[in-house]
Structure formats: structure tokens, C-alpha cells
C-alpha atoms as a PDB file:
ATOM      1  CA  MET A   1      13.382  19.245   2.262  1.00  0.00           C
ATOM      2  CA  LYS A   2      10.826  18.994  -0.615  1.00  0.00           C
ATOM      3  CA  ALA A   3       9.124  15.767  -1.236  1.00  0.00           C
ATOM      4  CA  VAL A   4       6.074  14.340  -3.008  1.00  0.00           C
ATOM      5  CA  VAL A   5       3.895  12.569  -0.461  1.00  0.00           C
ATOM      6  CA  TYR A   6       0.487  10.841  -0.681  1.00  0.00           C
ATOM      7  CA  HIS A   7      -1.846   9.910   2.081  1.00  0.00           C
ATOM      8  CA  GLN A   8      -4.786   8.262   0.144  1.00  0.00           C
ATOM      9  CA  TYR A   9      -5.012   5.960  -3.042  1.00  0.00           C
ATOM     10  CA  GLY A  10      -6.361   7.434  -6.234  1.00  0.00           C
ATOM     11  CA  SER A  11      -5.645   9.557  -9.098  1.00  0.00           C
ATOM     12  CA  PRO A  12      -2.480  11.577  -9.698  1.00  0.00           C
ATOM     13  CA  ASN A  13      -3.960  14.246  -7.833  1.00  0.00           C
ATOM     14  CA  VAL A  14      -3.382  12.600  -4.574  1.00  0.00           C
ATOM     15  CA  LEU A  15       0.334  13.399  -4.946  1.00  0.00           C
ATOM     16  CA  GLN A  16       1.158  16.495  -3.017  1.00  0.00           C
ATOM     17  CA  LEU A  17       4.633  18.484  -2.954  1.00  0.00           C
ATOM     18  CA  THR A  18       5.413  19.515   0.530  1.00  0.00           C
ATOM     19  CA  GLU A  19       8.229  19.999   3.000  1.00  0.00           C
ATOM     20  CA  ILE A  20       9.387  17.177   5.265  1.00  0.00           C
ATOM     21  CA  PRO A  21      12.366  16.852   7.591  1.00  0.00           C
ATOM     22  CA  LYS A  22      15.583  16.023   6.018  1.00  0.00           C
ATOM     23  CA  PRO A  23      16.751  12.471   6.927  1.00  0.00           C
ATOM     24  CA  THR A  24      20.091  11.595   8.612  1.00  0.00           C
ATOM     25  CA  PRO A  25      22.175   8.535   7.756  1.00  0.00           C
ATOM     26  CA  LYS A  26      22.716   5.767  10.190  1.00  0.00           C
ATOM     27  CA  ASP A  27      26.119   4.145  10.697  1.00  0.00           C
ATOM     28  CA  HIS A  28      25.663   1.789   7.754  1.00  0.00           C
ATOM     29  CA  GLU A  29      23.941   4.186   5.504  1.00  0.00           C
ATOM     30  CA  ILE A  30      24.675   6.903   2.964  1.00  0.00           C
ATOM     31  CA  LEU A  31      22.698  10.100   2.453  1.00  0.00           C
ATOM     32  CA  ILE A  32      22.013  10.800  -1.316  1.00  0.00           C
ATOM     33  CA  LYS A  33      21.119  14.274  -2.680  1.00  0.00           C
ATOM     34  CA  ILE A  34      18.715  13.021  -5.490  1.00  0.00           C
ATOM     35  CA  TYR A  35      19.063  14.781  -8.783  1.00  0.00           C
ATOM     36  CA  ALA A  36      16.760  12.743 -10.813  1.00  0.00           C
ATOM     37  CA  THR A  37      14.152   9.930 -10.346  1.00  0.00           C
ATOM     38  CA  THR A  38      11.526   8.337 -12.639  1.00  0.00           C
ATOM     39  CA  VAL A  39       7.882   7.540 -12.812  1.00  0.00           C
ATOM     40  CA  THR A  40       7.376   3.861 -13.342  1.00  0.00           C
ATOM     41  CA  SER A  41       4.359   1.411 -13.638  1.00  0.00           C
ATOM     42  CA  GLY A  42       5.241   0.268  -9.997  1.00  0.00           C
ATOM     43  CA  ASP A  43       4.719   3.884  -8.790  1.00  0.00           C
ATOM     44  CA  TRP A  44       1.499   4.649 -10.273  1.00  0.00           C
ATOM     45  CA  ARG A  45       0.090   1.143  -9.411  1.00  0.00           C
ATOM     46  CA  MET A  46       1.155   1.599  -5.873  1.00  0.00           C
ATOM     47  CA  ARG A  47      -0.520   5.060  -5.916  1.00  0.00           C
ATOM     48  CA  LYS A  48      -3.758   3.608  -7.144  1.00  0.00           C
ATOM     49  CA  ALA A  49      -3.598   0.408  -5.135  1.00  0.00           C
ATOM     50  CA  ASP A  50      -3.848  -1.487  -8.468  1.00  0.00           C
ATOM     51  CA  PRO A  51      -3.656  -4.334  -8.121  1.00  0.00           C
ATOM     52  CA  PHE A  52      -5.456  -4.805  -4.815  1.00  0.00           C
ATOM     53  CA  LEU A  53      -2.332  -6.721  -3.339  1.00  0.00           C
ATOM     54  CA  ALA A  54      -0.811  -3.189  -3.040  1.00  0.00           C
ATOM     55  CA  ARG A  55      -3.157  -2.659  -0.207  1.00  0.00           C
ATOM     56  CA  ILE A  56      -1.908  -5.666   1.530  1.00  0.00           C
ATOM     57  CA  PHE A  57       1.475  -4.297   1.276  1.00  0.00           C
ATOM     58  CA  ASN A  58       0.808  -0.658   1.912  1.00  0.00           C
ATOM     59  CA  GLY A  59      -2.306  -0.470   4.060  1.00  0.00           C
ATOM     60  CA  LEU A  60      -5.727  -1.580   3.454  1.00  0.00           C
ATOM     61  CA  LEU A  61      -7.669   1.637   3.464  1.00  0.00           C
ATOM     62  CA  LYS A  62      -4.868   4.096   2.928  1.00  0.00           C
ATOM     63  CA  PRO A  63      -1.075   4.043   2.380  1.00  0.00           C
ATOM     64  CA  LYS A  64       0.625   3.605   5.617  1.00  0.00           C
ATOM     65  CA  LYS A  65       4.024   1.912   5.037  1.00  0.00           C
ATOM     66  CA  ILE A  66       4.959   3.915   1.807  1.00  0.00           C
ATOM     67  CA  ASN A  67       4.033   7.526   1.598  1.00  0.00           C
ATOM     68  CA  ILE A  68       6.816   8.672  -0.748  1.00  0.00           C
ATOM     69  CA  LEU A  69       7.066   7.007  -4.112  1.00  0.00           C
ATOM     70  CA  GLY A  70       9.829   6.681  -6.517  1.00  0.00           C
ATOM     71  CA  MET A  71      11.619   3.250  -7.205  1.00  0.00           C
ATOM     72  CA  GLU A  72      14.774   4.642  -9.065  1.00  0.00           C
ATOM     73  CA  LEU A  73      17.133   7.482  -8.474  1.00  0.00           C
ATOM     74  CA  ALA A  74      20.529   9.056  -9.402  1.00  0.00           C
ATOM     75  CA  GLY A  75      22.193  11.562  -7.285  1.00  0.00           C
ATOM     76  CA  VAL A  76      25.313  12.550  -5.254  1.00  0.00           C
ATOM     77  CA  VAL A  77      26.603  11.185  -1.892  1.00  0.00           C
ATOM     78  CA  GLU A  78      26.290  14.139   0.511  1.00  0.00           C
ATOM     79  CA  GLU A  79      26.882  12.402   4.013  1.00  0.00           C
ATOM     80  CA  ILE A  80      28.166   8.902   4.942  1.00  0.00           C
ATOM     81  CA  GLY A  81      27.687   6.862   8.122  1.00  0.00           C
ATOM     82  CA  LYS A  82      30.931   5.827  10.178  1.00  0.00           C
ATOM     83  CA  GLU A  83      30.614   2.207   8.765  1.00  0.00           C
ATOM     84  CA  ILE A  84      30.584   3.116   5.092  1.00  0.00           C
ATOM     85  CA  ILE A  85      33.615   1.649   3.226  1.00  0.00           C
ATOM     86  CA  SER A  86      32.511   1.759  -0.495  1.00  0.00           C
ATOM     87  CA  PHE A  87      31.369   5.398  -1.031  1.00  0.00           C
ATOM     88  CA  LYS A  88      32.782   8.799  -0.227  1.00  0.00           C
ATOM     89  CA  ILE A  89      31.085  12.110  -0.098  1.00  0.00           C
ATOM     90  CA  GLY A  90      30.691  13.534  -3.542  1.00  0.00           C
ATOM     91  CA  ASP A  91      30.543  10.143  -5.422  1.00  0.00           C
ATOM     92  CA  GLU A  92      27.819  10.185  -8.156  1.00  0.00           C
ATOM     93  CA  VAL A  93      25.689   7.210  -7.736  1.00  0.00           C
ATOM     94  CA  PHE A  94      22.552   5.473  -9.239  1.00  0.00           C
ATOM     95  CA  ALA A  95      20.375   3.176  -7.537  1.00  0.00           C
ATOM     96  CA  LEU A  96      17.208   0.905  -7.237  1.00  0.00           C
ATOM     97  CA  ALA A  97      15.330   2.322  -4.179  1.00  0.00           C
ATOM     98  CA  GLY A  98      13.663  -1.075  -3.892  1.00  0.00           C
ATOM     99  CA  PHE A  99      10.480  -1.793  -1.924  1.00  0.00           C
ATOM    100  CA  SER A 100      11.249   1.209   0.407  1.00  0.00           C
ATOM    101  CA  PHE A 101      10.534   3.569  -2.536  1.00  0.00           C
ATOM    102  CA  GLY A 102      11.340   7.200  -1.424  1.00  0.00           C
ATOM    103  CA  SER A 103      12.826   8.677  -4.586  1.00  0.00           C
ATOM    104  CA  TYR A 104      10.359  11.429  -4.775  1.00  0.00           C
ATOM    105  CA  ALA A 105      12.322  13.667  -2.634  1.00  0.00           C
ATOM    106  CA  GLU A 106      15.317  15.734  -2.469  1.00  0.00           C
ATOM    107  CA  TYR A 107      17.295  13.255  -0.170  1.00  0.00           C
ATOM    108  CA  LYS A 108      17.157   9.656   0.724  1.00  0.00           C
ATOM    109  CA  CYS A 109      19.240   7.330   2.961  1.00  0.00           C
ATOM    110  CA  MET A 110      20.077   3.868   1.743  1.00  0.00           C
ATOM    111  CA  PRO A 111      22.183   1.079   3.079  1.00  0.00           C
ATOM    112  CA  GLU A 112      25.566   0.440   1.546  1.00  0.00           C
ATOM    113  CA  ALA A 113      25.073  -3.307   1.238  1.00  0.00           C
ATOM    114  CA  GLY A 114      21.414  -3.784   0.197  1.00  0.00           C
ATOM    115  CA  ASN A 115      19.247  -6.149  -1.715  1.00  0.00           C
ATOM    116  CA  VAL A 116      16.356  -5.967  -4.051  1.00  0.00           C
ATOM    117  CA  ALA A 117      14.071  -5.071  -0.997  1.00  0.00           C
ATOM    118  CA  GLN A 118      16.345  -2.408   0.615  1.00  0.00           C
ATOM    119  CA  GLY A 119      17.736  -1.095  -2.621  1.00  0.00           C
ATOM    120  CA  LEU A 120      20.745  -1.503  -4.703  1.00  0.00           C
ATOM    121  CA  ILE A 121      23.207   1.377  -5.196  1.00  0.00           C
ATOM    122  CA  LEU A 122      26.383   1.860  -7.309  1.00  0.00           C
ATOM    123  CA  GLN A 123      28.732   4.425  -8.773  1.00  0.00           C
ATOM    124  CA  LYS A 124      26.855   6.171 -11.722  1.00  0.00           C
ATOM    125  CA  PRO A 125      28.503   5.676 -15.359  1.00  0.00           C
ATOM    126  CA  LYS A 126      30.207   8.889 -16.003  1.00  0.00           C
ATOM    127  CA  ASN A 127      28.851   9.062 -19.601  1.00  0.00           C
ATOM    128  CA  LEU A 128      25.221   9.307 -18.385  1.00  0.00           C
ATOM    129  CA  THR A 129      23.188  12.161 -17.279  1.00  0.00           C
ATOM    130  CA  PHE A 130      21.463  11.859 -13.816  1.00  0.00           C
ATOM    131  CA  GLU A 131      18.213  11.464 -15.732  1.00  0.00           C
ATOM    132  CA  GLN A 132      19.556   8.835 -17.914  1.00  0.00           C
ATOM    133  CA  ALA A 133      21.059   6.962 -14.935  1.00  0.00           C
ATOM    134  CA  ALA A 134      17.970   6.988 -12.804  1.00  0.00           C
ATOM    135  CA  ALA A 135      16.194   5.386 -15.853  1.00  0.00           C
ATOM    136  CA  VAL A 136      18.236   2.253 -15.745  1.00  0.00           C
ATOM    137  CA  PRO A 137      17.757   0.148 -12.543  1.00  0.00           C
ATOM    138  CA  GLY A 138      14.130  -0.706 -12.670  1.00  0.00           C
ATOM    139  CA  GLY A 139      13.775  -1.620 -16.246  1.00  0.00           C
ATOM    140  CA  GLY A 140      17.279  -2.781 -16.986  1.00  0.00           C
ATOM    141  CA  LEU A 141      17.412  -5.053 -13.975  1.00  0.00           C
ATOM    142  CA  THR A 142      13.890  -6.552 -14.593  1.00  0.00           C
ATOM    143  CA  ALA A 143      14.798  -7.197 -18.222  1.00  0.00           C
ATOM    144  CA  LEU A 144      18.099  -8.880 -17.265  1.00  0.00           C
ATOM    145  CA  SER A 145      16.485 -11.098 -14.650  1.00  0.00           C
ATOM    146  CA  ILE A 146      13.896 -12.152 -17.355  1.00  0.00           C
ATOM    147  CA  LEU A 147      16.655 -12.845 -19.804  1.00  0.00           C
ATOM    148  CA  LYS A 148      18.719 -14.755 -17.315  1.00  0.00           C
ATOM    149  CA  LYS A 149      15.690 -17.020 -16.636  1.00  0.00           C
ATOM    150  CA  ALA A 150      15.213 -17.501 -20.339  1.00  0.00           C
ATOM    151  CA  LYS A 151      18.696 -18.757 -20.832  1.00  0.00           C
ATOM    152  CA  ILE A 152      18.704 -17.346 -24.249  1.00  0.00           C
ATOM    153  CA  GLN A 153      21.145 -18.876 -26.735  1.00  0.00           C
ATOM    154  CA  GLU A 154      22.621 -17.579 -29.859  1.00  0.00           C
ATOM    155  CA  LYS A 155      20.347 -17.372 -32.888  1.00  0.00           C
ATOM    156  CA  GLN A 156      17.216 -18.321 -30.806  1.00  0.00           C
ATOM    157  CA  LYS A 157      14.175 -16.617 -31.943  1.00  0.00           C
ATOM    158  CA  VAL A 158      12.683 -14.205 -29.275  1.00  0.00           C
ATOM    159  CA  LEU A 159       9.779 -12.162 -29.334  1.00  0.00           C
ATOM    160  CA  ILE A 160       9.442  -9.241 -26.941  1.00  0.00           C
ATOM    161  CA  TYR A 161       5.925  -7.792 -26.541  1.00  0.00           C
ATOM    162  CA  GLY A 162       6.011  -4.208 -25.463  1.00  0.00           C
ATOM    163  CA  ALA A 163       9.416  -3.763 -26.996  1.00  0.00           C
ATOM    164  CA  SER A 164       9.189   0.093 -26.795  1.00  0.00           C
ATOM    165  CA  GLY A 165       8.573   0.279 -22.918  1.00  0.00           C
ATOM    166  CA  ALA A 166      10.895   0.821 -19.998  1.00  0.00           C
ATOM    167  CA  ILE A 167      11.553  -2.999 -19.693  1.00  0.00           C
ATOM    168  CA  GLY A 168      11.220  -3.818 -23.374  1.00  0.00           C
ATOM    169  CA  THR A 169      13.773  -1.456 -24.633  1.00  0.00           C
ATOM    170  CA  TYR A 170      16.479  -3.001 -22.256  1.00  0.00           C
ATOM    171  CA  ALA A 171      15.230  -6.390 -23.133  1.00  0.00           C
ATOM    172  CA  VAL A 172      15.824  -5.794 -26.953  1.00  0.00           C
ATOM    173  CA  GLN A 173      19.236  -4.713 -26.262  1.00  0.00           C
ATOM    174  CA  LEU A 174      20.337  -7.423 -23.963  1.00  0.00           C
ATOM    175  CA  ALA A 175      18.963  -9.981 -25.964  1.00  0.00           C
ATOM    176  CA  LYS A 176      20.877  -8.655 -29.075  1.00  0.00           C
ATOM    177  CA  ILE A 177      24.125  -8.839 -27.104  1.00  0.00           C
ATOM    178  CA  GLN A 178      23.290 -12.531 -26.732  1.00  0.00           C
ATOM    179  CA  ARG A 179      23.026 -12.679 -30.492  1.00  0.00           C
ATOM    180  CA  ALA A 180      19.377 -13.811 -30.502  1.00  0.00           C
ATOM    181  CA  HIS A 181      17.109 -13.163 -33.446  1.00  0.00           C
ATOM    182  CA  ILE A 182      14.621 -10.531 -32.117  1.00  0.00           C
ATOM    183  CA  THR A 183      11.209  -9.589 -33.000  1.00  0.00           C
ATOM    184  CA  GLY A 184       9.820  -6.555 -31.278  1.00  0.00           C
ATOM    185  CA  VAL A 185       6.010  -5.921 -30.853  1.00  0.00           C
ATOM    186  CA  CYS A 186       5.051  -2.334 -30.387  1.00  0.00           C
ATOM    187  CA  SER A 187       2.855   0.384 -31.814  1.00  0.00           C
ATOM    188  CA  THR A 188       3.103   2.050 -35.321  1.00  0.00           C
ATOM    189  CA  LYS A 189       4.935   5.058 -33.839  1.00  0.00           C
ATOM    190  CA  ASN A 190       7.693   3.119 -32.037  1.00  0.00           C
ATOM    191  CA  LEU A 191       8.714   0.786 -34.810  1.00  0.00           C
ATOM    192  CA  ASP A 192      11.841   2.789 -35.744  1.00  0.00           C
ATOM    193  CA  LEU A 193      12.906   3.001 -32.297  1.00  0.00           C
ATOM    194  CA  VAL A 194      12.586  -0.650 -31.616  1.00  0.00           C
ATOM    195  CA  GLN A 195      14.609  -1.395 -34.885  1.00  0.00           C
ATOM    196  CA  SER A 196      17.246   1.098 -33.960  1.00  0.00           C
ATOM    197  CA  LEU A 197      17.748  -0.766 -30.517  1.00  0.00           C
ATOM    198  CA  GLY A 198      18.475  -4.103 -32.563  1.00  0.00           C
ATOM    199  CA  ALA A 199      15.360  -5.738 -33.259  1.00  0.00           C
ATOM    200  CA  ASP A 200      15.516  -7.871 -36.402  1.00  0.00           C
ATOM    201  CA  GLN A 201      11.814  -7.597 -37.123  1.00  0.00           C
ATOM    202  CA  VAL A 202       9.048  -5.525 -35.731  1.00  0.00           C
ATOM    203  CA  ILE A 203       5.423  -6.161 -35.569  1.00  0.00           C
ATOM    204  CA  ASP A 204       2.818  -3.433 -35.319  1.00  0.00           C
ATOM    205  CA  TYR A 205       0.265  -4.675 -32.883  1.00  0.00           C
ATOM    206  CA  THR A 206      -2.299  -2.205 -33.954  1.00  0.00           C
ATOM    207  CA  LYS A 207      -2.271  -3.926 -37.453  1.00  0.00           C
ATOM    208  CA  GLU A 208      -1.253  -7.616 -36.777  1.00  0.00           C
ATOM    209  CA  ASP A 209      -1.597 -10.127 -34.108  1.00  0.00           C
ATOM    210  CA  PHE A 210       1.782 -11.807 -33.596  1.00  0.00           C
ATOM    211  CA  THR A 211       0.038 -15.193 -33.064  1.00  0.00           C
ATOM    212  CA  SER A 212      -1.630 -15.093 -36.338  1.00  0.00           C
ATOM    213  CA  GLY A 213       1.453 -14.848 -38.717  1.00  0.00           C
ATOM    214  CA  GLY A 214       2.451 -18.422 -38.579  1.00  0.00           C
ATOM    215  CA  GLU A 215       5.826 -17.639 -37.062  1.00  0.00           C
ATOM    216  CA  THR A 216       6.923 -19.494 -33.910  1.00  0.00           C
ATOM    217  CA  TYR A 217       9.506 -18.545 -31.188  1.00  0.00           C
ATOM    218  CA  ASP A 218      11.746 -20.127 -28.741  1.00  0.00           C
ATOM    219  CA  VAL A 219      11.189 -17.359 -26.176  1.00  0.00           C
ATOM    220  CA  ILE A 220       8.123 -14.984 -25.861  1.00  0.00           C
ATOM    221  CA  ILE A 221       8.753 -12.171 -23.315  1.00  0.00           C
ATOM    222  CA  ASP A 222       5.710 -10.034 -22.259  1.00  0.00           C
ATOM    223  CA  ALA A 223       7.490  -6.882 -21.119  1.00  0.00           C
ATOM    224  CA  VAL A 224       3.967  -5.236 -20.301  1.00  0.00           C
ATOM    225  CA  ALA A 225       1.909  -7.761 -18.920  1.00  0.00           C
ATOM    226  CA  LYS A 226      -0.708  -7.393 -21.758  1.00  0.00           C
ATOM    227  CA  THR A 227      -0.723 -10.868 -23.011  1.00  0.00           C
ATOM    228  CA  SER A 228      -0.712 -14.524 -21.580  1.00  0.00           C
ATOM    229  CA  PRO A 229       0.777 -17.989 -21.985  1.00  0.00           C
ATOM    230  CA  ARG A 230      -2.660 -19.026 -23.356  1.00  0.00           C
ATOM    231  CA  GLN A 231      -2.917 -16.238 -25.926  1.00  0.00           C
ATOM    232  CA  SER A 232       0.918 -16.837 -26.922  1.00  0.00           C
ATOM    233  CA  LYS A 233       0.706 -20.613 -27.094  1.00  0.00           C
ATOM    234  CA  LYS A 234       0.072 -20.675 -30.869  1.00  0.00           C
ATOM    235  CA  ALA A 235       3.367 -18.632 -31.460  1.00  0.00           C
ATOM    236  CA  LEU A 236       5.442 -20.757 -29.086  1.00  0.00           C
ATOM    237  CA  LYS A 237       7.875 -23.654 -30.401  1.00  0.00           C
ATOM    238  CA  LYS A 238       7.127 -27.025 -28.846  1.00  0.00           C
ATOM    239  CA  GLN A 239       9.688 -26.443 -26.233  1.00  0.00           C
ATOM    240  CA  GLY A 240       9.351 -22.719 -26.096  1.00  0.00           C
ATOM    241  CA  ILE A 241       8.874 -20.745 -23.074  1.00  0.00           C
ATOM    242  CA  PHE A 242       6.814 -17.703 -22.082  1.00  0.00           C
ATOM    243  CA  LEU A 243       7.893 -15.253 -19.621  1.00  0.00           C
ATOM    244  CA  SER A 244       6.180 -12.178 -18.163  1.00  0.00           C
ATOM    245  CA  ALA A 245       7.686  -8.831 -16.382  1.00  0.00           C
ATOM    246  CA  HIS A 246       5.063  -9.535 -13.748  1.00  0.00           C
ATOM    247  CA  GLY A 247       6.036 -13.273 -13.339  1.00  0.00           C
ATOM    248  CA  PRO A 248       8.443 -14.787 -11.053  1.00  0.00           C
ATOM    249  CA  THR A 249      12.140 -14.076 -11.941  1.00  0.00           C
ATOM    250  CA  PRO A 250      15.431 -14.146  -9.996  1.00  0.00           C
ATOM    251  CA  ASP A 251      15.924 -11.321  -7.552  1.00  0.00           C
ATOM    252  CA  PRO A 252      18.498  -8.807  -9.170  1.00  0.00           C
ATOM    253  CA  THR A 253      21.697  -8.157  -7.366  1.00  0.00           C
ATOM    254  CA  LEU A 254      24.320  -5.598  -7.052  1.00  0.00           C
ATOM    255  CA  GLU A 255      26.491  -7.666  -9.570  1.00  0.00           C
ATOM    256  CA  ASP A 256      23.597  -7.254 -12.165  1.00  0.00           C
ATOM    257  CA  LEU A 257      23.674  -3.663 -11.601  1.00  0.00           C
ATOM    258  CA  PHE A 258      27.316  -3.680 -12.135  1.00  0.00           C
ATOM    259  CA  TYR A 259      27.054  -5.704 -15.201  1.00  0.00           C
ATOM    260  CA  LEU A 260      24.617  -2.987 -16.797  1.00  0.00           C
ATOM    261  CA  ALA A 261      26.754  -0.188 -15.570  1.00  0.00           C
ATOM    262  CA  LYS A 262      29.631  -1.608 -17.644  1.00  0.00           C
ATOM    263  CA  LEU A 263      27.474  -2.184 -20.627  1.00  0.00           C
ATOM    264  CA  LEU A 264      26.257   1.337 -20.346  1.00  0.00           C
ATOM    265  CA  GLU A 265      29.944   2.757 -20.157  1.00  0.00           C
ATOM    266  CA  ILE A 266      31.031   1.072 -23.330  1.00  0.00           C
ATOM    267  CA  GLU A 267      27.754   2.084 -24.996  1.00  0.00           C
ATOM    268  CA  LYS A 268      26.461  -1.536 -25.649  1.00  0.00           C
ATOM    269  CA  ILE A 269      23.229  -0.347 -24.232  1.00  0.00           C
ATOM    270  CA  LYS A 270      21.563   2.909 -23.690  1.00  0.00           C
ATOM    271  CA  PRO A 271      18.662   4.224 -21.730  1.00  0.00           C
ATOM    272  CA  VAL A 272      15.660   5.457 -23.707  1.00  0.00           C
ATOM    273  CA  ILE A 273      13.977   8.729 -22.322  1.00  0.00           C
ATOM    274  CA  ASP A 274      10.591   9.831 -23.527  1.00  0.00           C
ATOM    275  CA  ARG A 275      10.110  12.924 -21.466  1.00  0.00           C
ATOM    276  CA  ILE A 276      11.636  14.780 -18.377  1.00  0.00           C
ATOM    277  CA  TYR A 277       9.484  16.716 -16.085  1.00  0.00           C
ATOM    278  CA  PRO A 278      10.446  18.810 -12.908  1.00  0.00           C
ATOM    279  CA  LEU A 279       9.348  17.494  -9.651  1.00  0.00           C
ATOM    280  CA  GLU A 280       6.778  20.242  -9.487  1.00  0.00           C
ATOM    281  CA  LYS A 281       5.030  18.528 -12.326  1.00  0.00           C
ATOM    282  CA  ILE A 282       4.920  14.982 -10.822  1.00  0.00           C
ATOM    283  CA  VAL A 283       1.026  14.962 -11.246  1.00  0.00           C
ATOM    284  CA  GLU A 284       1.334  15.553 -14.988  1.00  0.00           C
ATOM    285  CA  ALA A 285       4.107  13.019 -15.303  1.00  0.00           C
ATOM    286  CA  HIS A 286       1.993  10.129 -13.595  1.00  0.00           C
ATOM    287  CA  SER A 287      -0.984  10.959 -15.724  1.00  0.00           C
ATOM    288  CA  TYR A 288       1.118  10.757 -18.804  1.00  0.00           C
ATOM    289  CA  VAL A 289       2.676   7.387 -17.757  1.00  0.00           C
ATOM    290  CA  GLU A 290      -0.417   5.937 -16.751  1.00  0.00           C
ATOM    291  CA  LYS A 291      -1.795   6.220 -20.218  1.00  0.00           C
ATOM    292  CA  TRP A 292       0.573   3.384 -21.408  1.00  0.00           C
ATOM    293  CA  HIS A 293       1.812   5.516 -24.430  1.00  0.00           C
ATOM    294  CA  LYS A 294       5.383   6.343 -23.040  1.00  0.00           C
ATOM    295  CA  ARG A 295       8.538   5.306 -25.048  1.00  0.00           C
ATOM    296  CA  GLY A 296      11.102   3.928 -22.677  1.00  0.00           C
ATOM    297  CA  ASN A 297      11.248   5.979 -19.594  1.00  0.00           C
ATOM    298  CA  VAL A 298       9.982   9.189 -17.994  1.00  0.00           C
ATOM    299  CA  ALA A 299      12.561  10.896 -15.762  1.00  0.00           C
ATOM    300  CA  ILE A 300      12.000  13.600 -13.093  1.00  0.00           C
ATOM    301  CA  THR A 301      14.470  16.272 -12.364  1.00  0.00           C
ATOM    302  CA  ILE A 302      14.862  17.046  -8.720  1.00  0.00           C
ATOM    303  CA  HIS A 303      18.108  19.114  -8.656  1.00  0.00           C
ATOM    304  CA  GLU A 304      19.673  20.615 -11.462  1.00  0.00           C
ATOM    305  CA  SER A 305      22.946  19.182 -12.314  1.00  0.00           C
END
């Protein structure tokens, strides 16, 4: 099968499209024919070993544990192990690949009953394309975990920094469901997008510092890890809380993915797709995402649906 592998840390050029053996599912696993995946910040950070802790996880001098990136996927069940009870051949699914990564390939085996480390898999919402579905688990589950920790209540003032990114676009939509008053912080070109997702107010960070306007918030969410509690303190209410996408949050569960699937099916939330690349252009896709200019998600097509 085709897969994108890397054997050294570095620029997008370390990613190489090659042929590797097709995996065979164990008794408790399903084999997924992957139709689409994504490029996330987790993917390019692991590729670059940035931060340095990536080397502790994946090899000090070169990647040893993970050689195929890709944290999200959507596809079709092609084969099942004899102990599988929740899936059948032909099911359309979407999944968080978890810390095993491995979605930059034509096929991947996943356990039926997983966790955030092993991966979480569920039937794909029928109203989504494979590219849209692949763009849900990473950003959607992270945003949901942050909001669960925030315990947002109706009419609370919530500021989301990085509201146009993969996590931020879901955070805006999910906070709107909780009837919060949302201020989204983004660049000029994304103001209309963030408003269309439900933000009550928007701040253009290229023209205004959200901490200098005199407004204070119950919750500040940094969805892109580009601000800090110290920088945001002036804009927090006395009992306000600051949460970061890179900070500790509850581990997402299969029930959380199910909740997102239901919201997607009734169109209460939607994935935002910036660009779609074929697998053969994975280097170009990584280069684009690493520039921090994407709106929502960047998807990769592996098989044509």
C-alpha cells in the first residue's frame, strides 16, 4: 500500500511517499481503507520534533516509534477481526488515530474499543464527505474537552483566541450551543468566517490587542497557544479562568465523539475546510499548515470516494 513515511526530523521534505506492506487486523481490530486524513499542528510538530519533548516520545536523534503521521481519518471498514461486534465490512467511519498516528496511508488497523492513546472510532455522519469527517476528531474533541473544563454557563462572556483555526472554529460553535456570549480573535481575512460560526463580536488581532480594550471575560480560551495567562490577566474577570489548547484537559472519550457526530448530523456544528490536497502533495500541505495561516482544517484525499 502507499504511505507517507519519515525517518528523520526536519522540514516537510523529510516526508516520502512510498510502498509498505498492507496491515492485517488482529482479532480485536478493524482494517480501515482510508479515504481522507488531515494535516494538524500535531503532525508537523512531530515531524519537526518541536517541542523537544517530541523526541522523548518518538526517538532522541530520529523518529523510531512513529514513522507514519496523521492523527485523524475517515474511511470504510474493509476487514474485521473475529472479536469485533460494533462494526461490519462496508461501514463508513471516522476516527481519532490517537498517539499511534498512522493515517498518512491507504490502510490502518484500529482497535474497536480504544481510548485517546489507541484511537477512537465511530460511524461517520452520513451528511459529511470523507474529507469533512476526517477534519472533526482532532479539533472537535480538543475544543469540547476545553469547554467541558471551563464549565461554561449561559450568557457568560467567552473570548476565543485563534477562533479561525482547527480548534477555534469548533470552540466558537460549541460555546454558541451553550449560549455563551462569544468574542472571537482572528486576523482580518477571517472576521466574516468567525462571525458566521456564531461569534457575537470579533477582534482583529492585527489591529487591536484584546487586553487593551477594557473588556473582561469569564473565560479566555487560547486555541493556538499564542498567548498566556500572564498576558491575558488584564482581560479576565476576578474569578475568570484561562484555558489553553496545549494545557491539561479531560481526555476525550468515545461518548464525546458520539456527541459531536450527533451535532454534525443535525447541522448544529460544521467542519471548516480551508484546502484539500491529494496524498501526493503532502509536502506542500505541511508547508502551508506550518505557516499558521489556515482557516479551520486542511484535508488530504487518499482514495477518491
